[in-house]
Structures are given as C-alpha cells and as structure tokens.
Amino acid sequence: MSDFTLSVVVTTYNRAPILEKALRALLNQDTTESHEIVVIDDGSTDRTPELVRGLQADHPHLRYVPQPNQGRAVARNTGIREARGEFLCYVDSDVVVVPGFVRGHLEAHRNARRTDAAREVFVQGLSVNVDDFEHLTEAKVPPFDPSRAFFDTKNVSIRRSLLEQVGGFDTGFVEYGWEDLELGTRLKQIGVGIVRSKEALGFHYHPRFTVADLPRLKRIEEERGRMAARFLQMHPTLDVRLMTQETPLHDVLNFIATWGGLWNERTLRPALTVVERMGWYGFAAQWAQIVLNQYNLIELKKARRAQRRPLGNNT
C-alpha cells in the first residue's frame, strides 16, 4: 500500500537559484492531501545539496535523493523507484507552481475516474513560459493550453503502476530531448489517455534569449536531433516522424527558412545583435530558433544514416 496519495518528483542538476523558488512553492500548497516531495539530484556541483537539506529541517515530507550525474531518464526512473505515492507528479526544477497545484492534479484524476472508471489517464498540467525571474508567478495565463505534447514531464502526473507497466523511461536517451514523449508513445499504445488541467498550473522559467546563448542552443539542437533518431528507431511511425520533423515537407521548410543554409549560427549573429540592442528579445528568440532548428535536422539525418549502415561498415 502506498504511503502517500501523491509523490511530487523534482529532478534537478545545477539549478539552485530557481530550484529554491520551485521548492518553496511546492512546500506552500493549500491542501491536506497526503503528499511528499522527492528531489532527485543528478550530480549537482552547486549549492543544491545544502539548499534541499536546509529546507528539510522544517518540512519532513521533503526528501533528498542524490545520485551521480547520469541524465534525465535515469533520474526520473530513480524517482519511480524512490517515490512512495500512488500517483507520481513530475515537475521540472525550473517550474514554480501555484498553491493549488497538488489539489489540481488530484482533482483532475478523481474527476476522470468519476467520468469513466475503466479508463486510465494521466494529467497534463498547464505550463506558462516566463523570462522574469523576480516575477515568475505574475505572468499572464493563456485561456487554453497551447501545447499539444503527449506526456510532457515539465508538469504531469500519472499512476505509478502505469509507469512500472511500460518499463519507465528509456535510459538510451543519454542527451537532451524526447525521453518523456517516447514514454508517452508507449502509454498511448496501452490505451492511456490524457486529461489537461489549468488548475495544476506552473510557471516555467525560460531565461530571456541573448546572442551569447547561440553556441549553447546550437548544442541543444544537435542533441535533440540525435535523440530524435533514437525515438524514430524505436517508433518508426508517421506520428513520430511528424514530431521529429523527418519528412520531405520539413526539409523544404528548413531550406526556405535558412535560405539554403546561408543563415546559420555564425551568419545570423550580427543581425541578431542588432535586434537584441533594439530590445526585440522575443523576435530575436523566434528567429534564432527557426535558424538553429537546421542543426537538429542535420544531426537527425546523420544519426539515421548511421542506424541504417550495416554493422561493421564505418565508412
């Protein structure tokens, strides 16, 4: 029997400043529901250990589980193993939630059960991107959830037994991206549905784009491309091809958006510097993302070619 109704699992790595805001919000819930907060520290080298242990003194339902740095998939599987709740709620360590967050997730599960007791679902909470670190929870909340992601671990809850049934997160996703959506694909295959909740609201801290971010963002896109290839290898379906952009249409759109590759991280820098100086940060971020996406597609194609290459052929 589970010790708690809900276990909130927060996986983190070197994010102490925003993690402190995230944990204080989770410790300020307006509910009497039985729940715990489990922080899985994936090898942080900043002040994360001291921060969490300091908060534990006044909050016995906060637990700290450190591990060597092994990546997000392994850390989330550690959460499945360590959590003691009937339901697991994954929240990224840069998401600051509202006081009704825990209650919102559990009410959504109960409403779904009352509607159709035989149908298993997970609850996808609403996430709002915010770039103002000091005023995270003051952002305007959209009237509907614009995300179409199926099982986004920024803000999601699910019965723990379902995660165990599908085998948890695939630890072959050793770089950035796709491990949660791949697990969502397996959940969909066994008939698990999705329920969205605006009451389970979290504000996702997304720092304002700067030109200095270009090398880091390029690296992230390259990692996403390589992990997209793994996703496709596991699930070679049209749905996943559309998600990962492995279609001729996406190739054409990328060719047009980058002027055949003439726009890239290096050539875009002077123009983005001007836009940034003008204070058009949102436009600069969108423009950069469109152009940086080509690195995602380049790495995806390289990894897909390697997957198709006969064993022993390294040419």
C-alpha atoms as a PDB file:
ATOM      1  CA  MET A   1       0.000   0.000   0.000  1.00  0.00           C
ATOM      2  CA  SER A   2       1.278   3.487  -0.871  1.00  0.00           C
ATOM      3  CA  ASP A   3       2.345   5.778   1.962  1.00  0.00           C
ATOM      4  CA  PHE A   4       1.108   8.900   0.151  1.00  0.00           C
ATOM      5  CA  THR A   5      -1.581   9.804  -2.347  1.00  0.00           C
ATOM      6  CA  LEU A   6       0.880  11.801  -4.458  1.00  0.00           C
ATOM      7  CA  SER A   7       4.649  11.995  -4.794  1.00  0.00           C
ATOM      8  CA  VAL A   8       5.943  15.146  -6.495  1.00  0.00           C
ATOM      9  CA  VAL A   9       9.229  14.210  -8.164  1.00  0.00           C
ATOM     10  CA  VAL A  10      11.647  17.024  -8.986  1.00  0.00           C
ATOM     11  CA  THR A  11      14.761  16.034 -10.929  1.00  0.00           C
ATOM     12  CA  THR A  12      17.482  18.661 -10.965  1.00  0.00           C
ATOM     13  CA  TYR A  13      21.044  19.424 -11.986  1.00  0.00           C
ATOM     14  CA  ASN A  14      22.880  22.644 -11.009  1.00  0.00           C
ATOM     15  CA  ARG A  15      19.794  24.867 -10.813  1.00  0.00           C
ATOM     16  CA  ALA A  16      19.929  26.032  -7.194  1.00  0.00           C
ATOM     17  CA  PRO A  17      18.558  29.611  -7.640  1.00  0.00           C
ATOM     18  CA  ILE A  18      15.384  28.619  -9.492  1.00  0.00           C
ATOM     19  CA  LEU A  19      15.137  25.308  -7.608  1.00  0.00           C
ATOM     20  CA  GLU A  20      14.781  27.264  -4.364  1.00  0.00           C
ATOM     21  CA  LYS A  21      11.776  29.152  -5.773  1.00  0.00           C
ATOM     22  CA  ALA A  22      10.320  25.917  -7.138  1.00  0.00           C
ATOM     23  CA  LEU A  23      10.634  24.050  -3.828  1.00  0.00           C
ATOM     24  CA  ARG A  24       9.249  26.892  -1.717  1.00  0.00           C
ATOM     25  CA  ALA A  25       6.185  26.966  -3.961  1.00  0.00           C
ATOM     26  CA  LEU A  26       5.736  23.192  -3.645  1.00  0.00           C
ATOM     27  CA  LEU A  27       6.072  23.492   0.133  1.00  0.00           C
ATOM     28  CA  ASN A  28       3.310  26.111   0.173  1.00  0.00           C
ATOM     29  CA  GLN A  29       0.390  24.000  -1.043  1.00  0.00           C
ATOM     30  CA  ASP A  30      -3.163  24.696   0.153  1.00  0.00           C
ATOM     31  CA  THR A  31      -4.143  21.066   0.567  1.00  0.00           C
ATOM     32  CA  THR A  32      -4.499  18.466   3.276  1.00  0.00           C
ATOM     33  CA  GLU A  33      -3.926  15.680   0.748  1.00  0.00           C
ATOM     34  CA  SER A  34      -1.235  13.209   1.735  1.00  0.00           C
ATOM     35  CA  HIS A  35       1.797  14.006  -0.427  1.00  0.00           C
ATOM     36  CA  GLU A  36       5.582  14.097  -0.451  1.00  0.00           C
ATOM     37  CA  ILE A  37       8.202  15.985  -2.458  1.00  0.00           C
ATOM     38  CA  VAL A  38      11.168  13.963  -3.700  1.00  0.00           C
ATOM     39  CA  VAL A  39      14.178  15.819  -5.103  1.00  0.00           C
ATOM     40  CA  ILE A  40      16.382  13.659  -7.312  1.00  0.00           C
ATOM     41  CA  ASP A  41      19.722  15.458  -7.556  1.00  0.00           C
ATOM     42  CA  ASP A  42      21.516  14.222 -10.679  1.00  0.00           C
ATOM     43  CA  GLY A  43      25.030  15.036  -9.516  1.00  0.00           C
ATOM     44  CA  SER A  44      24.770  18.795  -8.909  1.00  0.00           C
ATOM     45  CA  THR A  45      28.003  20.600  -8.062  1.00  0.00           C
ATOM     46  CA  ASP A  46      26.398  23.871  -6.951  1.00  0.00           C
ATOM     47  CA  ARG A  47      24.673  24.546  -3.592  1.00  0.00           C
ATOM     48  CA  THR A  48      21.731  22.229  -4.330  1.00  0.00           C
ATOM     49  CA  PRO A  49      22.546  19.727  -1.524  1.00  0.00           C
ATOM     50  CA  GLU A  50      22.784  22.456   1.124  1.00  0.00           C
ATOM     51  CA  LEU A  51      19.599  24.116  -0.158  1.00  0.00           C
ATOM     52  CA  VAL A  52      17.448  20.996  -0.020  1.00  0.00           C
ATOM     53  CA  ARG A  53      18.809  19.743   3.290  1.00  0.00           C
ATOM     54  CA  GLY A  54      18.227  23.169   4.804  1.00  0.00           C
ATOM     55  CA  LEU A  55      14.564  23.087   3.776  1.00  0.00           C
ATOM     56  CA  GLN A  56      14.142  19.551   5.098  1.00  0.00           C
ATOM     57  CA  ALA A  57      14.533  20.711   8.689  1.00  0.00           C
ATOM     58  CA  ASP A  58      11.031  22.256   8.699  1.00  0.00           C
ATOM     59  CA  HIS A  59       9.429  20.028   6.085  1.00  0.00           C
ATOM     60  CA  PRO A  60       9.656  16.290   6.843  1.00  0.00           C
ATOM     61  CA  HIS A  61       7.684  15.415   3.689  1.00  0.00           C
ATOM     62  CA  LEU A  62      10.588  16.767   1.587  1.00  0.00           C
ATOM     63  CA  ARG A  63      13.110  14.085   0.667  1.00  0.00           C
ATOM     64  CA  TYR A  64      16.531  14.441  -0.951  1.00  0.00           C
ATOM     65  CA  VAL A  65      17.937  11.648  -3.137  1.00  0.00           C
ATOM     66  CA  PRO A  66      21.393  12.380  -4.632  1.00  0.00           C
ATOM     67  CA  GLN A  67      22.933  10.290  -7.400  1.00  0.00           C
ATOM     68  CA  PRO A  68      25.922  10.564  -9.778  1.00  0.00           C
ATOM     69  CA  ASN A  69      25.187  12.514 -12.946  1.00  0.00           C
ATOM     70  CA  GLN A  70      23.506  10.059 -15.331  1.00  0.00           C
ATOM     71  CA  GLY A  71      20.977  12.118 -17.253  1.00  0.00           C
ATOM     72  CA  ARG A  72      17.295  12.909 -17.040  1.00  0.00           C
ATOM     73  CA  ALA A  73      15.921   9.489 -17.968  1.00  0.00           C
ATOM     74  CA  VAL A  74      17.882   7.731 -15.227  1.00  0.00           C
ATOM     75  CA  ALA A  75      16.983  10.439 -12.710  1.00  0.00           C
ATOM     76  CA  ARG A  76      13.290  10.105 -13.476  1.00  0.00           C
ATOM     77  CA  ASN A  77      13.488   6.330 -13.125  1.00  0.00           C
ATOM     78  CA  THR A  78      15.099   6.881  -9.738  1.00  0.00           C
ATOM     79  CA  GLY A  79      12.011   8.902  -8.913  1.00  0.00           C
ATOM     80  CA  ILE A  80       9.760   5.955  -9.788  1.00  0.00           C
ATOM     81  CA  ARG A  81      11.811   3.704  -7.520  1.00  0.00           C
ATOM     82  CA  GLU A  82      12.096   6.127  -4.591  1.00  0.00           C
ATOM     83  CA  ALA A  83       8.594   7.638  -4.557  1.00  0.00           C
ATOM     84  CA  ARG A  84       6.052   6.263  -2.106  1.00  0.00           C
ATOM     85  CA  GLY A  85       2.862   7.707  -3.586  1.00  0.00           C
ATOM     86  CA  GLU A  86       0.080   6.058  -5.542  1.00  0.00           C
ATOM     87  CA  PHE A  87       0.424   8.852  -8.120  1.00  0.00           C
ATOM     88  CA  LEU A  88       3.678  10.395  -9.337  1.00  0.00           C
ATOM     89  CA  CYS A  89       3.811  14.021 -10.395  1.00  0.00           C
ATOM     90  CA  TYR A  90       6.862  15.118 -12.374  1.00  0.00           C
ATOM     91  CA  VAL A  91       7.739  18.809 -12.203  1.00  0.00           C
ATOM     92  CA  ASP A  92      10.879  20.305 -13.714  1.00  0.00           C
ATOM     93  CA  SER A  93      13.146  22.104 -11.275  1.00  0.00           C
ATOM     94  CA  ASP A  94      12.660  25.413 -13.126  1.00  0.00           C
ATOM     95  CA  VAL A  95       8.864  25.379 -12.732  1.00  0.00           C
ATOM     96  CA  VAL A  96       7.235  27.425  -9.957  1.00  0.00           C
ATOM     97  CA  VAL A  97       3.719  26.196  -9.182  1.00  0.00           C
ATOM     98  CA  VAL A  98       0.592  27.792  -7.689  1.00  0.00           C
ATOM     99  CA  PRO A  99      -0.715  26.903  -4.191  1.00  0.00           C
ATOM    100  CA  GLY A 100      -3.492  24.750  -5.687  1.00  0.00           C
ATOM    101  CA  PHE A 101      -1.110  22.676  -7.786  1.00  0.00           C
ATOM    102  CA  VAL A 102      -1.274  19.373  -5.852  1.00  0.00           C
ATOM    103  CA  ARG A 103      -5.013  19.701  -5.364  1.00  0.00           C
ATOM    104  CA  GLY A 104      -5.475  20.448  -9.082  1.00  0.00           C
ATOM    105  CA  HIS A 105      -3.675  17.283 -10.160  1.00  0.00           C
ATOM    106  CA  LEU A 106      -5.543  15.020  -7.763  1.00  0.00           C
ATOM    107  CA  GLU A 107      -8.948  16.549  -8.520  1.00  0.00           C
ATOM    108  CA  ALA A 108      -8.352  16.020 -12.229  1.00  0.00           C
ATOM    109  CA  HIS A 109      -7.585  12.345 -11.610  1.00  0.00           C
ATOM    110  CA  ARG A 110     -10.699  11.911  -9.487  1.00  0.00           C
ATOM    111  CA  ASN A 111     -12.918  13.692 -11.994  1.00  0.00           C
ATOM    112  CA  ALA A 112     -11.570  11.442 -14.755  1.00  0.00           C
ATOM    113  CA  ARG A 113     -12.275   8.373 -12.624  1.00  0.00           C
ATOM    114  CA  ARG A 114     -15.850   9.526 -11.976  1.00  0.00           C
ATOM    115  CA  THR A 115     -16.383  10.115 -15.694  1.00  0.00           C
ATOM    116  CA  ASP A 116     -15.003   6.730 -16.795  1.00  0.00           C
ATOM    117  CA  ALA A 117     -13.762   4.420 -14.060  1.00  0.00           C
ATOM    118  CA  ALA A 118     -12.333   1.936 -16.542  1.00  0.00           C
ATOM    119  CA  ARG A 119     -10.159   4.434 -18.413  1.00  0.00           C
ATOM    120  CA  GLU A 120      -6.593   5.089 -17.268  1.00  0.00           C
ATOM    121  CA  VAL A 121      -5.334   8.642 -17.807  1.00  0.00           C
ATOM    122  CA  PHE A 122      -2.502  10.947 -16.899  1.00  0.00           C
ATOM    123  CA  VAL A 123      -2.987  14.623 -16.073  1.00  0.00           C
ATOM    124  CA  GLN A 124      -1.047  17.250 -18.007  1.00  0.00           C
ATOM    125  CA  GLY A 125      -0.851  20.486 -16.023  1.00  0.00           C
ATOM    126  CA  LEU A 126      -0.694  23.877 -17.703  1.00  0.00           C
ATOM    127  CA  SER A 127       2.786  25.401 -18.064  1.00  0.00           C
ATOM    128  CA  VAL A 128       3.395  29.079 -18.827  1.00  0.00           C
ATOM    129  CA  ASN A 129       6.831  30.222 -20.021  1.00  0.00           C
ATOM    130  CA  VAL A 130       8.180  33.247 -18.134  1.00  0.00           C
ATOM    131  CA  ASP A 131      11.510  35.073 -18.551  1.00  0.00           C
ATOM    132  CA  ASP A 132      11.249  37.372 -15.493  1.00  0.00           C
ATOM    133  CA  PHE A 133      12.999  35.588 -12.617  1.00  0.00           C
ATOM    134  CA  GLU A 134      11.754  38.043  -9.988  1.00  0.00           C
ATOM    135  CA  HIS A 135       8.079  37.990 -11.011  1.00  0.00           C
ATOM    136  CA  LEU A 136       7.565  34.436 -12.215  1.00  0.00           C
ATOM    137  CA  THR A 137       4.015  33.921 -10.967  1.00  0.00           C
ATOM    138  CA  GLU A 138       2.712  37.255 -12.265  1.00  0.00           C
ATOM    139  CA  ALA A 139       2.721  36.241 -15.933  1.00  0.00           C
ATOM    140  CA  LYS A 140      -0.484  36.300 -17.944  1.00  0.00           C
ATOM    141  CA  VAL A 141      -2.091  32.864 -18.122  1.00  0.00           C
ATOM    142  CA  PRO A 142      -3.462  31.888 -21.565  1.00  0.00           C
ATOM    143  CA  PRO A 143      -7.142  30.832 -21.736  1.00  0.00           C
ATOM    144  CA  PHE A 144      -6.122  27.407 -23.078  1.00  0.00           C
ATOM    145  CA  ASP A 145      -3.067  25.165 -23.131  1.00  0.00           C
ATOM    146  CA  PRO A 146      -1.228  25.776 -26.446  1.00  0.00           C
ATOM    147  CA  SER A 147       0.937  22.675 -26.027  1.00  0.00           C
ATOM    148  CA  ARG A 148      -0.043  19.516 -27.880  1.00  0.00           C
ATOM    149  CA  ALA A 149       2.653  17.399 -26.244  1.00  0.00           C
ATOM    150  CA  PHE A 150       1.560  13.969 -25.019  1.00  0.00           C
ATOM    151  CA  PHE A 151       3.262  13.401 -21.654  1.00  0.00           C
ATOM    152  CA  ASP A 152       5.449  16.442 -21.016  1.00  0.00           C
ATOM    153  CA  THR A 153       7.348  15.993 -17.752  1.00  0.00           C
ATOM    154  CA  LYS A 154       7.532  19.719 -17.042  1.00  0.00           C
ATOM    155  CA  ASN A 155       4.185  19.242 -15.301  1.00  0.00           C
ATOM    156  CA  VAL A 156       2.477  15.841 -15.422  1.00  0.00           C
ATOM    157  CA  SER A 157       1.010  13.265 -13.037  1.00  0.00           C
ATOM    158  CA  ILE A 158       0.199   9.597 -13.507  1.00  0.00           C
ATOM    159  CA  ARG A 159      -0.497   6.460 -11.521  1.00  0.00           C
ATOM    160  CA  ARG A 160       2.868   4.948 -10.596  1.00  0.00           C
ATOM    161  CA  SER A 161       1.766   1.435 -11.618  1.00  0.00           C
ATOM    162  CA  LEU A 162       1.348   2.622 -15.214  1.00  0.00           C
ATOM    163  CA  LEU A 163       4.942   3.834 -15.365  1.00  0.00           C
ATOM    164  CA  GLU A 164       6.065   0.483 -13.997  1.00  0.00           C
ATOM    165  CA  GLN A 165       3.873  -1.334 -16.519  1.00  0.00           C
ATOM    166  CA  VAL A 166       5.554   0.310 -19.524  1.00  0.00           C
ATOM    167  CA  GLY A 167       9.053  -0.016 -18.052  1.00  0.00           C
ATOM    168  CA  GLY A 168       9.750   3.588 -17.098  1.00  0.00           C
ATOM    169  CA  PHE A 169      11.923   5.987 -19.069  1.00  0.00           C
ATOM    170  CA  ASP A 170      14.277   4.579 -21.690  1.00  0.00           C
ATOM    171  CA  THR A 171      17.826   5.197 -20.474  1.00  0.00           C
ATOM    172  CA  GLY A 172      19.181   5.128 -24.008  1.00  0.00           C
ATOM    173  CA  PHE A 173      18.207   8.800 -24.185  1.00  0.00           C
ATOM    174  CA  VAL A 174      21.536   9.999 -22.875  1.00  0.00           C
ATOM    175  CA  GLU A 175      21.364  13.503 -24.357  1.00  0.00           C
ATOM    176  CA  TYR A 176      18.763  16.264 -24.394  1.00  0.00           C
ATOM    177  CA  GLY A 177      15.226  15.616 -25.516  1.00  0.00           C
ATOM    178  CA  TRP A 178      12.432  13.172 -26.344  1.00  0.00           C
ATOM    179  CA  GLU A 179      12.633  10.721 -23.436  1.00  0.00           C
ATOM    180  CA  ASP A 180       9.303  11.868 -21.993  1.00  0.00           C
ATOM    181  CA  LEU A 181       7.450  11.900 -25.309  1.00  0.00           C
ATOM    182  CA  GLU A 182       8.818   8.445 -26.125  1.00  0.00           C
ATOM    183  CA  LEU A 183       7.392   7.159 -22.851  1.00  0.00           C
ATOM    184  CA  GLY A 184       4.148   8.903 -23.753  1.00  0.00           C
ATOM    185  CA  THR A 185       4.074   6.942 -27.006  1.00  0.00           C
ATOM    186  CA  ARG A 186       4.252   3.686 -25.053  1.00  0.00           C
ATOM    187  CA  LEU A 187       1.498   4.872 -22.708  1.00  0.00           C
ATOM    188  CA  LYS A 188      -0.694   5.687 -25.694  1.00  0.00           C
ATOM    189  CA  GLN A 189      -0.074   2.197 -27.088  1.00  0.00           C
ATOM    190  CA  ILE A 190      -1.609   0.601 -23.982  1.00  0.00           C
ATOM    191  CA  GLY A 191      -4.623   2.918 -24.129  1.00  0.00           C
ATOM    192  CA  VAL A 192      -3.731   5.557 -21.535  1.00  0.00           C
ATOM    193  CA  GLY A 193      -5.464   8.867 -22.235  1.00  0.00           C
ATOM    194  CA  ILE A 194      -4.690  12.475 -21.386  1.00  0.00           C
ATOM    195  CA  VAL A 195      -6.598  14.983 -19.242  1.00  0.00           C
ATOM    196  CA  ARG A 196      -5.471  18.610 -19.166  1.00  0.00           C
ATOM    197  CA  SER A 197      -5.748  20.758 -16.051  1.00  0.00           C
ATOM    198  CA  LYS A 198      -5.487  24.549 -15.870  1.00  0.00           C
ATOM    199  CA  GLU A 199      -5.694  24.388 -12.069  1.00  0.00           C
ATOM    200  CA  ALA A 200      -2.435  22.398 -11.892  1.00  0.00           C
ATOM    201  CA  LEU A 201      -0.588  25.483 -13.075  1.00  0.00           C
ATOM    202  CA  GLY A 202       3.160  26.006 -13.198  1.00  0.00           C
ATOM    203  CA  PHE A 203       5.274  28.932 -14.390  1.00  0.00           C
ATOM    204  CA  HIS A 204       8.279  27.682 -16.360  1.00  0.00           C
ATOM    205  CA  TYR A 205      11.330  29.920 -16.038  1.00  0.00           C
ATOM    206  CA  HIS A 206      12.776  30.352 -19.505  1.00  0.00           C
ATOM    207  CA  PRO A 207      15.595  32.942 -19.413  1.00  0.00           C
ATOM    208  CA  ARG A 208      15.450  35.705 -21.994  1.00  0.00           C
ATOM    209  CA  PHE A 209      17.369  34.911 -25.185  1.00  0.00           C
ATOM    210  CA  THR A 210      20.700  36.607 -25.783  1.00  0.00           C
ATOM    211  CA  VAL A 211      23.136  36.304 -28.682  1.00  0.00           C
ATOM    212  CA  ALA A 212      25.637  34.797 -26.253  1.00  0.00           C
ATOM    213  CA  ASP A 213      23.264  31.800 -25.956  1.00  0.00           C
ATOM    214  CA  LEU A 214      23.762  30.744 -29.601  1.00  0.00           C
ATOM    215  CA  PRO A 215      26.522  28.131 -29.043  1.00  0.00           C
ATOM    216  CA  ARG A 216      24.602  26.536 -26.165  1.00  0.00           C
ATOM    217  CA  LEU A 217      21.350  26.495 -28.137  1.00  0.00           C
ATOM    218  CA  LYS A 218      23.117  25.013 -31.153  1.00  0.00           C
ATOM    219  CA  ARG A 219      24.465  22.211 -28.955  1.00  0.00           C
ATOM    220  CA  ILE A 220      20.979  21.534 -27.567  1.00  0.00           C
ATOM    221  CA  GLU A 221      19.516  21.316 -31.067  1.00  0.00           C
ATOM    222  CA  GLU A 222      22.229  18.879 -32.116  1.00  0.00           C
ATOM    223  CA  GLU A 223      21.499  16.700 -29.090  1.00  0.00           C
ATOM    224  CA  ARG A 224      17.767  16.826 -29.831  1.00  0.00           C
ATOM    225  CA  GLY A 225      18.477  15.639 -33.368  1.00  0.00           C
ATOM    226  CA  ARG A 226      20.485  12.638 -32.219  1.00  0.00           C
ATOM    227  CA  MET A 227      17.859  11.675 -29.639  1.00  0.00           C
ATOM    228  CA  ALA A 228      15.103  12.126 -32.229  1.00  0.00           C
ATOM    229  CA  ALA A 229      16.837   9.434 -34.276  1.00  0.00           C
ATOM    230  CA  ARG A 230      16.591   7.067 -31.311  1.00  0.00           C
ATOM    231  CA  PHE A 231      12.911   7.942 -30.905  1.00  0.00           C
ATOM    232  CA  LEU A 232      12.309   7.124 -34.581  1.00  0.00           C
ATOM    233  CA  GLN A 233      14.256   3.895 -34.374  1.00  0.00           C
ATOM    234  CA  MET A 234      12.015   2.767 -31.509  1.00  0.00           C
ATOM    235  CA  HIS A 235       8.769   4.022 -33.075  1.00  0.00           C
ATOM    236  CA  PRO A 236       9.037   4.410 -36.889  1.00  0.00           C
ATOM    237  CA  THR A 237       5.501   5.777 -37.252  1.00  0.00           C
ATOM    238  CA  LEU A 238       4.086   8.748 -39.136  1.00  0.00           C
ATOM    239  CA  ASP A 239       3.150  10.399 -35.848  1.00  0.00           C
ATOM    240  CA  VAL A 240       6.741  10.276 -34.596  1.00  0.00           C
ATOM    241  CA  ARG A 241       8.121  11.321 -37.990  1.00  0.00           C
ATOM    242  CA  LEU A 242       5.952  14.435 -37.798  1.00  0.00           C
ATOM    243  CA  MET A 243       7.040  15.161 -34.232  1.00  0.00           C
ATOM    244  CA  THR A 244      10.729  14.795 -35.065  1.00  0.00           C
ATOM    245  CA  GLN A 245      10.475  16.543 -38.466  1.00  0.00           C
ATOM    246  CA  GLU A 246      11.655  13.588 -40.525  1.00  0.00           C
ATOM    247  CA  THR A 247       9.540  14.431 -43.578  1.00  0.00           C
ATOM    248  CA  PRO A 248      10.245  15.992 -47.002  1.00  0.00           C
ATOM    249  CA  LEU A 249       7.992  18.916 -46.054  1.00  0.00           C
ATOM    250  CA  HIS A 250      10.154  19.783 -43.061  1.00  0.00           C
ATOM    251  CA  ASP A 251      13.259  19.585 -45.268  1.00  0.00           C
ATOM    252  CA  VAL A 252      11.722  22.086 -47.701  1.00  0.00           C
ATOM    253  CA  LEU A 253      10.583  24.434 -44.940  1.00  0.00           C
ATOM    254  CA  ASN A 254      14.031  24.351 -43.343  1.00  0.00           C
ATOM    255  CA  PHE A 255      15.681  25.058 -46.720  1.00  0.00           C
ATOM    256  CA  ILE A 256      13.450  28.098 -47.212  1.00  0.00           C
ATOM    257  CA  ALA A 257      13.801  29.371 -43.626  1.00  0.00           C
ATOM    258  CA  THR A 258      17.601  29.235 -43.732  1.00  0.00           C
ATOM    259  CA  TRP A 259      17.981  30.369 -47.355  1.00  0.00           C
ATOM    260  CA  GLY A 260      19.521  27.054 -48.249  1.00  0.00           C
ATOM    261  CA  GLY A 261      21.760  27.099 -45.190  1.00  0.00           C
ATOM    262  CA  LEU A 262      23.118  30.629 -45.710  1.00  0.00           C
ATOM    263  CA  TRP A 263      21.505  31.644 -42.428  1.00  0.00           C
ATOM    264  CA  ASN A 264      23.292  29.787 -39.652  1.00  0.00           C
ATOM    265  CA  GLU A 265      24.649  30.381 -36.174  1.00  0.00           C
ATOM    266  CA  ARG A 266      27.642  32.344 -37.486  1.00  0.00           C
ATOM    267  CA  THR A 267      25.974  34.443 -40.191  1.00  0.00           C
ATOM    268  CA  LEU A 268      22.942  35.205 -38.040  1.00  0.00           C
ATOM    269  CA  ARG A 269      24.940  36.630 -35.150  1.00  0.00           C
ATOM    270  CA  PRO A 270      25.402  40.231 -36.478  1.00  0.00           C
ATOM    271  CA  ALA A 271      21.713  40.619 -37.342  1.00  0.00           C
ATOM    272  CA  LEU A 272      20.582  39.185 -34.021  1.00  0.00           C
ATOM    273  CA  THR A 273      22.970  41.506 -32.175  1.00  0.00           C
ATOM    274  CA  VAL A 274      21.224  44.498 -33.765  1.00  0.00           C
ATOM    275  CA  VAL A 275      17.778  43.109 -32.932  1.00  0.00           C
ATOM    276  CA  GLU A 276      18.851  42.445 -29.348  1.00  0.00           C
ATOM    277  CA  ARG A 277      20.148  46.004 -28.935  1.00  0.00           C
ATOM    278  CA  MET A 278      16.760  47.261 -30.108  1.00  0.00           C
ATOM    279  CA  GLY A 279      15.135  45.296 -27.282  1.00  0.00           C
ATOM    280  CA  TRP A 280      13.174  42.939 -29.547  1.00  0.00           C
ATOM    281  CA  TYR A 281      14.057  39.884 -27.471  1.00  0.00           C
ATOM    282  CA  GLY A 282      11.005  37.819 -28.398  1.00  0.00           C
ATOM    283  CA  PHE A 283      11.561  38.326 -32.116  1.00  0.00           C
ATOM    284  CA  ALA A 284      15.264  37.531 -31.741  1.00  0.00           C
ATOM    285  CA  ALA A 285      14.465  34.274 -29.908  1.00  0.00           C
ATOM    286  CA  GLN A 286      11.949  33.138 -32.538  1.00  0.00           C
ATOM    287  CA  TRP A 287      14.262  34.000 -35.427  1.00  0.00           C
ATOM    288  CA  ALA A 288      17.173  32.220 -33.798  1.00  0.00           C
ATOM    289  CA  GLN A 289      15.083  29.103 -33.114  1.00  0.00           C
ATOM    290  CA  ILE A 290      13.948  28.864 -36.733  1.00  0.00           C
ATOM    291  CA  VAL A 291      17.535  29.016 -37.941  1.00  0.00           C
ATOM    292  CA  LEU A 292      19.013  26.835 -35.191  1.00  0.00           C
ATOM    293  CA  ASN A 293      16.495  24.108 -35.971  1.00  0.00           C
ATOM    294  CA  GLN A 294      18.616  23.184 -39.003  1.00  0.00           C
ATOM    295  CA  TYR A 295      21.259  21.750 -36.640  1.00  0.00           C
ATOM    296  CA  ASN A 296      18.600  19.487 -35.184  1.00  0.00           C
ATOM    297  CA  LEU A 297      17.745  18.203 -38.667  1.00  0.00           C
ATOM    298  CA  ILE A 298      21.405  17.816 -39.698  1.00  0.00           C
ATOM    299  CA  GLU A 299      22.183  15.643 -36.667  1.00  0.00           C
ATOM    300  CA  LEU A 300      18.939  13.698 -37.121  1.00  0.00           C
ATOM    301  CA  LYS A 301      19.919  12.767 -40.678  1.00  0.00           C
ATOM    302  CA  LYS A 302      23.456  11.820 -39.646  1.00  0.00           C
ATOM    303  CA  ALA A 303      22.180   9.578 -36.851  1.00  0.00           C
ATOM    304  CA  ARG A 304      19.546   7.985 -39.106  1.00  0.00           C
ATOM    305  CA  ARG A 305      22.191   7.166 -41.715  1.00  0.00           C
ATOM    306  CA  ALA A 306      24.336   5.574 -39.014  1.00  0.00           C
ATOM    307  CA  GLN A 307      21.385   3.466 -37.876  1.00  0.00           C
ATOM    308  CA  ARG A 308      20.836   2.146 -41.407  1.00  0.00           C
ATOM    309  CA  ARG A 309      24.520   1.427 -42.028  1.00  0.00           C
ATOM    310  CA  PRO A 310      25.341  -2.311 -41.962  1.00  0.00           C
ATOM    311  CA  LEU A 311      27.234  -3.476 -38.889  1.00  0.00           C
ATOM    312  CA  GLY A 312      30.967  -3.321 -39.402  1.00  0.00           C
ATOM    313  CA  ASN A 313      30.725  -0.639 -42.100  1.00  0.00           C
ATOM    314  CA  ASN A 314      32.239   2.543 -40.687  1.00  0.00           C
ATOM    315  CA  THR A 315      32.539   4.410 -43.954  1.00  0.00           C
END
